[in-house]
Structures are given as structure tokens and as C-alpha cells.
Amino acid sequence: MTTVTLIGKPGCHLCDDARAVVDEVLAAFPAVGMLEQSILDDPALHERYWDEIPVVLIDGAVHTIYRVDAERLRVALAAAESNGSDEGGR
């Protein structure tokens, strides 16, 4: 199963914007899971991403930072789902 992870923190307006785009896009991909993580809850995430939030990962790989483009995310998720069916899930 493909998973989208949104890394951000509370009170971050760009994170709120990214969440809205991700939610909108994921409505068309019911088989895609979503995780949301805060850099305030995880020292490793804070160290890695504190100056890049929001960060969107697809199956653990960075897809985008700062601003999420809905169409680019749709294309990437369609490709991930297609690849997952050929490879038995990534």
C-alpha cells in the first residue's frame, strides 16, 4: 500500500495549506494511506526537517517541501500505485 506522510508542526500555516491539498488529492486515492507527523514530537524529524516543513513523503521518499502542487501529487500517487501493483507493493 502506498503511504503519504505529511511532516510539519502545529501552528504552521504552510503545513495547514499542505494538509488541505493532500486531503483533497487523497480523496481520489482511497487505497493510499496517510500519516501525519510533527517535528515537535520526534527529535530525528526535527533535526532533519526543521527548516523545510511542510514535507510530503511518498512511501518514505521526499516528494516535495514547502508547497504541495495537487497535480504533481496526483501524478506521483498514480505512478506509485501502478508501480506497487507491478512490484507487489513497495
C-alpha atoms as a PDB file:
ATOM      1  CA  MET A   1       0.000   0.000   0.000  1.00  0.00           C
ATOM      2  CA  THR A   2       1.215   3.475  -0.845  1.00  0.00           C
ATOM      3  CA  THR A   3       1.564   5.873   2.087  1.00  0.00           C
ATOM      4  CA  VAL A   4       1.751   9.648   2.086  1.00  0.00           C
ATOM      5  CA  THR A   5       3.400  11.211   5.131  1.00  0.00           C
ATOM      6  CA  LEU A   6       2.970  14.888   5.939  1.00  0.00           C
ATOM      7  CA  ILE A   7       5.667  16.232   8.241  1.00  0.00           C
ATOM      8  CA  GLY A   8       5.015  19.594   9.848  1.00  0.00           C
ATOM      9  CA  LYS A   9       4.124  21.166  13.159  1.00  0.00           C
ATOM     10  CA  PRO A  10       1.117  22.787  14.822  1.00  0.00           C
ATOM     11  CA  GLY A  11       0.611  26.454  14.036  1.00  0.00           C
ATOM     12  CA  CYS A  12       2.430  26.275  10.692  1.00  0.00           C
ATOM     13  CA  HIS A  13       0.256  27.932   8.036  1.00  0.00           C
ATOM     14  CA  LEU A  14       2.146  26.250   5.185  1.00  0.00           C
ATOM     15  CA  CYS A  15       1.532  22.906   6.910  1.00  0.00           C
ATOM     16  CA  ASP A  16      -2.183  23.678   7.082  1.00  0.00           C
ATOM     17  CA  ASP A  17      -2.161  24.549   3.367  1.00  0.00           C
ATOM     18  CA  ALA A  18      -0.266  21.351   2.542  1.00  0.00           C
ATOM     19  CA  ARG A  19      -2.717  19.252   4.593  1.00  0.00           C
ATOM     20  CA  ALA A  20      -5.656  20.716   2.662  1.00  0.00           C
ATOM     21  CA  VAL A  21      -4.054  19.848  -0.690  1.00  0.00           C
ATOM     22  CA  VAL A  22      -3.060  16.354   0.445  1.00  0.00           C
ATOM     23  CA  ASP A  23      -6.565  15.686   1.799  1.00  0.00           C
ATOM     24  CA  GLU A  24      -8.123  16.882  -1.461  1.00  0.00           C
ATOM     25  CA  VAL A  25      -5.857  14.698  -3.596  1.00  0.00           C
ATOM     26  CA  LEU A  26      -6.166  11.622  -1.373  1.00  0.00           C
ATOM     27  CA  ALA A  27      -9.949  11.723  -1.737  1.00  0.00           C
ATOM     28  CA  ALA A  28      -9.372  10.285  -5.223  1.00  0.00           C
ATOM     29  CA  PHE A  29      -6.968   7.592  -3.934  1.00  0.00           C
ATOM     30  CA  PRO A  30      -8.876   5.578  -1.307  1.00  0.00           C
ATOM     31  CA  ALA A  31      -6.203   2.856  -1.177  1.00  0.00           C
ATOM     32  CA  VAL A  32      -3.475   5.346  -0.205  1.00  0.00           C
ATOM     33  CA  GLY A  33      -2.780   5.688   3.494  1.00  0.00           C
ATOM     34  CA  MET A  34      -1.832   8.919   5.224  1.00  0.00           C
ATOM     35  CA  LEU A  35       0.327   9.622   8.226  1.00  0.00           C
ATOM     36  CA  GLU A  36       0.909  12.999   9.805  1.00  0.00           C
ATOM     37  CA  GLN A  37       3.965  13.611  11.955  1.00  0.00           C
ATOM     38  CA  SER A  38       5.092  16.662  13.907  1.00  0.00           C
ATOM     39  CA  ILE A  39       8.723  17.678  14.120  1.00  0.00           C
ATOM     40  CA  LEU A  40       7.945  18.676  17.716  1.00  0.00           C
ATOM     41  CA  ASP A  41       7.263  15.046  18.663  1.00  0.00           C
ATOM     42  CA  ASP A  42      10.327  13.446  17.089  1.00  0.00           C
ATOM     43  CA  PRO A  43      13.888  14.742  17.590  1.00  0.00           C
ATOM     44  CA  ALA A  44      15.132  12.959  14.456  1.00  0.00           C
ATOM     45  CA  LEU A  45      12.422  14.555  12.307  1.00  0.00           C
ATOM     46  CA  HIS A  46      13.150  17.927  13.897  1.00  0.00           C
ATOM     47  CA  GLU A  47      16.859  17.628  13.150  1.00  0.00           C
ATOM     48  CA  ARG A  48      16.256  16.568   9.551  1.00  0.00           C
ATOM     49  CA  TYR A  49      13.335  18.797   8.525  1.00  0.00           C
ATOM     50  CA  TRP A  50      13.031  21.777  10.926  1.00  0.00           C
ATOM     51  CA  ASP A  51      13.744  24.331   8.192  1.00  0.00           C
ATOM     52  CA  GLU A  52      11.905  22.565   5.360  1.00  0.00           C
ATOM     53  CA  ILE A  53       8.381  21.973   6.656  1.00  0.00           C
ATOM     54  CA  PRO A  54       5.961  21.034   5.430  1.00  0.00           C
ATOM     55  CA  VAL A  55       7.480  17.952   3.845  1.00  0.00           C
ATOM     56  CA  VAL A  56       5.459  15.368   1.943  1.00  0.00           C
ATOM     57  CA  LEU A  57       6.854  11.863   1.623  1.00  0.00           C
ATOM     58  CA  ILE A  58       5.522   9.124  -0.620  1.00  0.00           C
ATOM     59  CA  ASP A  59       6.475   5.718   0.702  1.00  0.00           C
ATOM     60  CA  GLY A  60       9.255   7.312   2.753  1.00  0.00           C
ATOM     61  CA  ALA A  61      10.829   9.281  -0.095  1.00  0.00           C
ATOM     62  CA  VAL A  62      10.640  13.077  -0.205  1.00  0.00           C
ATOM     63  CA  HIS A  63       8.070  14.192  -2.753  1.00  0.00           C
ATOM     64  CA  THR A  64       8.015  17.909  -2.003  1.00  0.00           C
ATOM     65  CA  ILE A  65       8.835  20.567   0.559  1.00  0.00           C
ATOM     66  CA  TYR A  66       7.093  23.845   1.406  1.00  0.00           C
ATOM     67  CA  ARG A  67       4.228  23.936  -1.102  1.00  0.00           C
ATOM     68  CA  VAL A  68       2.300  20.966  -2.432  1.00  0.00           C
ATOM     69  CA  ASP A  69       1.210  21.022  -6.061  1.00  0.00           C
ATOM     70  CA  ALA A  70      -2.004  18.999  -6.313  1.00  0.00           C
ATOM     71  CA  GLU A  71      -1.472  17.821  -9.880  1.00  0.00           C
ATOM     72  CA  ARG A  72       2.122  16.786  -9.255  1.00  0.00           C
ATOM     73  CA  LEU A  73       0.983  14.806  -6.200  1.00  0.00           C
ATOM     74  CA  ARG A  74      -1.806  13.127  -8.217  1.00  0.00           C
ATOM     75  CA  VAL A  75       0.659  12.047 -10.904  1.00  0.00           C
ATOM     76  CA  ALA A  76       3.130  10.736  -8.320  1.00  0.00           C
ATOM     77  CA  LEU A  77       0.442   8.763  -6.480  1.00  0.00           C
ATOM     78  CA  ALA A  78      -0.892   7.255  -9.699  1.00  0.00           C
ATOM     79  CA  ALA A  79       2.657   6.172 -10.559  1.00  0.00           C
ATOM     80  CA  ALA A  80       3.239   4.786  -7.065  1.00  0.00           C
ATOM     81  CA  GLU A  81       0.024   2.777  -7.201  1.00  0.00           C
ATOM     82  CA  SER A  82       0.922   1.474 -10.649  1.00  0.00           C
ATOM     83  CA  ASN A  83       4.424   0.508  -9.527  1.00  0.00           C
ATOM     84  CA  GLY A  84       3.079  -1.075  -6.371  1.00  0.00           C
ATOM     85  CA  SER A  85       0.796  -3.372  -8.310  1.00  0.00           C
ATOM     86  CA  ASP A  86       3.702  -4.489 -10.519  1.00  0.00           C
ATOM     87  CA  GLU A  87       6.123  -4.964  -7.630  1.00  0.00           C
ATOM     88  CA  GLY A  88       3.787  -6.439  -5.046  1.00  0.00           C
ATOM     89  CA  GLY A  89       3.734  -3.172  -3.058  1.00  0.00           C
ATOM     90  CA  ARG A  90       6.730  -1.060  -2.222  1.00  0.00           C
END
